[in-house]
C-alpha atoms as a PDB file:
ATOM      1  CA  MET A   1      41.674   0.083  18.311  1.00  0.00           C
ATOM      2  CA  ASN A   2      37.891   0.071  18.147  1.00  0.00           C
ATOM      3  CA  PRO A   3      36.405  -2.383  20.706  1.00  0.00           C
ATOM      4  CA  LEU A   4      33.618  -3.198  18.260  1.00  0.00           C
ATOM      5  CA  GLU A   5      36.171  -4.708  15.871  1.00  0.00           C
ATOM      6  CA  HIS A   6      36.609  -7.611  18.296  1.00  0.00           C
ATOM      7  CA  GLN A   7      32.995  -8.673  17.817  1.00  0.00           C
ATOM      8  CA  SER A   8      32.627 -11.693  15.542  1.00  0.00           C
ATOM      9  CA  SER A   9      29.691 -13.791  14.428  1.00  0.00           C
ATOM     10  CA  LEU A  10      27.204 -11.208  15.645  1.00  0.00           C
ATOM     11  CA  THR A  11      23.514 -11.909  15.360  1.00  0.00           C
ATOM     12  CA  CYS A  12      20.891  -9.180  15.394  1.00  0.00           C
ATOM     13  CA  ALA A  13      18.752  -9.476  18.519  1.00  0.00           C
ATOM     14  CA  ASN A  14      15.852  -7.925  16.616  1.00  0.00           C
ATOM     15  CA  CYS A  15      15.627 -10.093  13.468  1.00  0.00           C
ATOM     16  CA  GLY A  16      18.277 -12.815  13.866  1.00  0.00           C
ATOM     17  CA  SER A  17      20.317 -11.764  10.819  1.00  0.00           C
ATOM     18  CA  THR A  18      24.092 -12.237  10.897  1.00  0.00           C
ATOM     19  CA  ASN A  19      24.518  -9.300   8.500  1.00  0.00           C
ATOM     20  CA  VAL A  20      25.759  -6.994  11.280  1.00  0.00           C
ATOM     21  CA  GLY A  21      28.607  -4.538  10.780  1.00  0.00           C
ATOM     22  CA  ILE A  22      30.239  -1.493  12.338  1.00  0.00           C
ATOM     23  CA  ARG A  23      29.010   1.850  11.009  1.00  0.00           C
ATOM     24  CA  PRO A  24      29.074   5.425  12.284  1.00  0.00           C
ATOM     25  CA  VAL A  25      25.581   6.647  13.162  1.00  0.00           C
ATOM     26  CA  ARG A  26      24.015   9.740  14.643  1.00  0.00           C
ATOM     27  CA  SER A  27      21.432   9.999  17.348  1.00  0.00           C
ATOM     28  CA  ALA A  28      19.343  12.752  18.944  1.00  0.00           C
ATOM     29  CA  PHE A  29      19.103  13.385  22.687  1.00  0.00           C
ATOM     30  CA  TRP A  30      17.073  15.736  24.841  1.00  0.00           C
ATOM     31  CA  GLN A  31      19.089  17.853  27.267  1.00  0.00           C
ATOM     32  CA  ASP A  32      16.555  19.733  29.375  1.00  0.00           C
ATOM     33  CA  ASP A  33      14.520  21.611  26.732  1.00  0.00           C
ATOM     34  CA  ARG A  34      17.190  21.337  23.983  1.00  0.00           C
ATOM     35  CA  LEU A  35      17.424  18.692  21.322  1.00  0.00           C
ATOM     36  CA  VAL A  36      21.017  17.811  20.432  1.00  0.00           C
ATOM     37  CA  VAL A  37      22.460  15.497  17.801  1.00  0.00           C
ATOM     38  CA  VAL A  38      25.615  13.424  18.269  1.00  0.00           C
ATOM     39  CA  GLU A  39      27.324  12.230  15.097  1.00  0.00           C
ATOM     40  CA  ASP A  40      29.990   9.611  14.415  1.00  0.00           C
ATOM     41  CA  ILE A  41      28.812   7.177  17.098  1.00  0.00           C
ATOM     42  CA  PRO A  42      30.335   3.738  16.392  1.00  0.00           C
ATOM     43  CA  ALA A  43      27.474   1.266  16.262  1.00  0.00           C
ATOM     44  CA  LEU A  44      26.776  -2.281  15.263  1.00  0.00           C
ATOM     45  CA  VAL A  45      24.103  -1.968  12.574  1.00  0.00           C
ATOM     46  CA  CYS A  46      22.017  -4.801  11.165  1.00  0.00           C
ATOM     47  CA  GLY A  47      22.032  -4.805   7.362  1.00  0.00           C
ATOM     48  CA  ALA A  48      18.669  -6.568   7.280  1.00  0.00           C
ATOM     49  CA  CYS A  49      16.498  -4.502   9.656  1.00  0.00           C
ATOM     50  CA  ALA A  50      18.752  -1.465  10.397  1.00  0.00           C
ATOM     51  CA  GLU A  51      18.614  -2.024  14.182  1.00  0.00           C
ATOM     52  CA  GLN A  52      21.496  -0.288  15.968  1.00  0.00           C
ATOM     53  CA  PHE A  53      23.428  -1.617  18.953  1.00  0.00           C
ATOM     54  CA  TYR A  54      26.155   0.032  21.048  1.00  0.00           C
ATOM     55  CA  ASP A  55      28.893  -1.699  23.018  1.00  0.00           C
ATOM     56  CA  ASP A  56      29.526  -0.791  26.675  1.00  0.00           C
ATOM     57  CA  ALA A  57      32.408   1.596  25.906  1.00  0.00           C
ATOM     58  CA  THR A  58      30.243   3.544  23.448  1.00  0.00           C
ATOM     59  CA  VAL A  59      27.407   3.799  25.970  1.00  0.00           C
ATOM     60  CA  VAL A  60      29.848   5.165  28.552  1.00  0.00           C
ATOM     61  CA  GLY A  61      31.094   7.718  26.010  1.00  0.00           C
ATOM     62  CA  ILE A  62      27.537   8.848  25.259  1.00  0.00           C
ATOM     63  CA  ASP A  63      26.836   9.117  28.993  1.00  0.00           C
ATOM     64  CA  LEU A  64      29.948  11.293  29.414  1.00  0.00           C
ATOM     65  CA  LEU A  65      28.758  13.597  26.642  1.00  0.00           C
ATOM     66  CA  ARG A  66      25.312  13.835  28.231  1.00  0.00           C
ATOM     67  CA  GLY A  67      26.827  14.436  31.671  1.00  0.00           C
ATOM     68  CA  GLY A  68      28.801  17.352  30.239  1.00  0.00           C
ATOM     69  CA  GLY A  69      25.536  19.051  29.290  1.00  0.00           C
ATOM     70  CA  PHE A  70      26.382  19.498  25.607  1.00  0.00           C
ATOM     71  CA  PRO A  71      27.873  23.032  25.885  1.00  0.00           C
ATOM     72  CA  ALA A  72      26.786  25.085  22.850  1.00  0.00           C
ATOM     73  CA  GLU A  73      30.323  26.428  22.333  1.00  0.00           C
ATOM     74  CA  GLU A  74      31.603  22.871  21.775  1.00  0.00           C
ATOM     75  CA  ALA A  75      29.060  22.033  19.060  1.00  0.00           C
ATOM     76  CA  ARG A  76      30.519  21.268  15.644  1.00  0.00           C
ATOM     77  CA  THR A  77      27.548  22.798  13.856  1.00  0.00           C
ATOM     78  CA  GLU A  78      23.852  23.495  14.319  1.00  0.00           C
ATOM     79  CA  LEU A  79      20.800  22.131  12.544  1.00  0.00           C
ATOM     80  CA  ARG A  80      17.534  23.901  11.985  1.00  0.00           C
ATOM     81  CA  VAL A  81      14.710  21.510  12.884  1.00  0.00           C
ATOM     82  CA  PRO A  82      11.039  22.007  11.991  1.00  0.00           C
ATOM     83  CA  VAL A  83       8.581  21.348  14.826  1.00  0.00           C
ATOM     84  CA  PHE A  84       5.078  19.968  14.272  1.00  0.00           C
ATOM     85  CA  SER A  85       2.146  19.423  16.600  1.00  0.00           C
ATOM     86  CA  PHE A  86       0.232  16.177  16.568  1.00  0.00           C
ATOM     87  CA  GLY A  87      -2.757  18.171  17.826  1.00  0.00           C
ATOM     88  CA  ASP A  88      -2.800  20.214  14.599  1.00  0.00           C
ATOM     89  CA  VAL A  89      -3.150  17.052  12.516  1.00  0.00           C
ATOM     90  CA  VAL A  90      -5.864  15.637  14.755  1.00  0.00           C
ATOM     91  CA  ALA A  91      -7.797  18.945  14.682  1.00  0.00           C
ATOM     92  CA  VAL A  92      -7.726  19.002  10.859  1.00  0.00           C
ATOM     93  CA  LYS A  93      -8.982  15.408  10.621  1.00  0.00           C
ATOM     94  CA  ARG A  94     -11.804  16.086  13.087  1.00  0.00           C
ATOM     95  CA  GLY A  95     -12.828  19.224  11.234  1.00  0.00           C
ATOM     96  CA  SER A  96     -13.189  17.313   7.946  1.00  0.00           C
END
């Protein structure tokens, strides 16, 4: 049983809405110089402002994943991610 299902009458700490429900989300983490994405994280998500909250058991699970170092051979899939430099944008604006 999902521990989040026991939550009732939840109020968003960000906006005060009571439109909060359980949804799977994904989040990105830095592990040394690698960016990794974890999918299917059970979260409480505000329907009004989209703020995400995790219960204690979920935080422990994320910490266990991080502590394991995210071994590449255990990854479900890989994403190709474009990388931009803020400095490039600033240089273009200054040159204008």
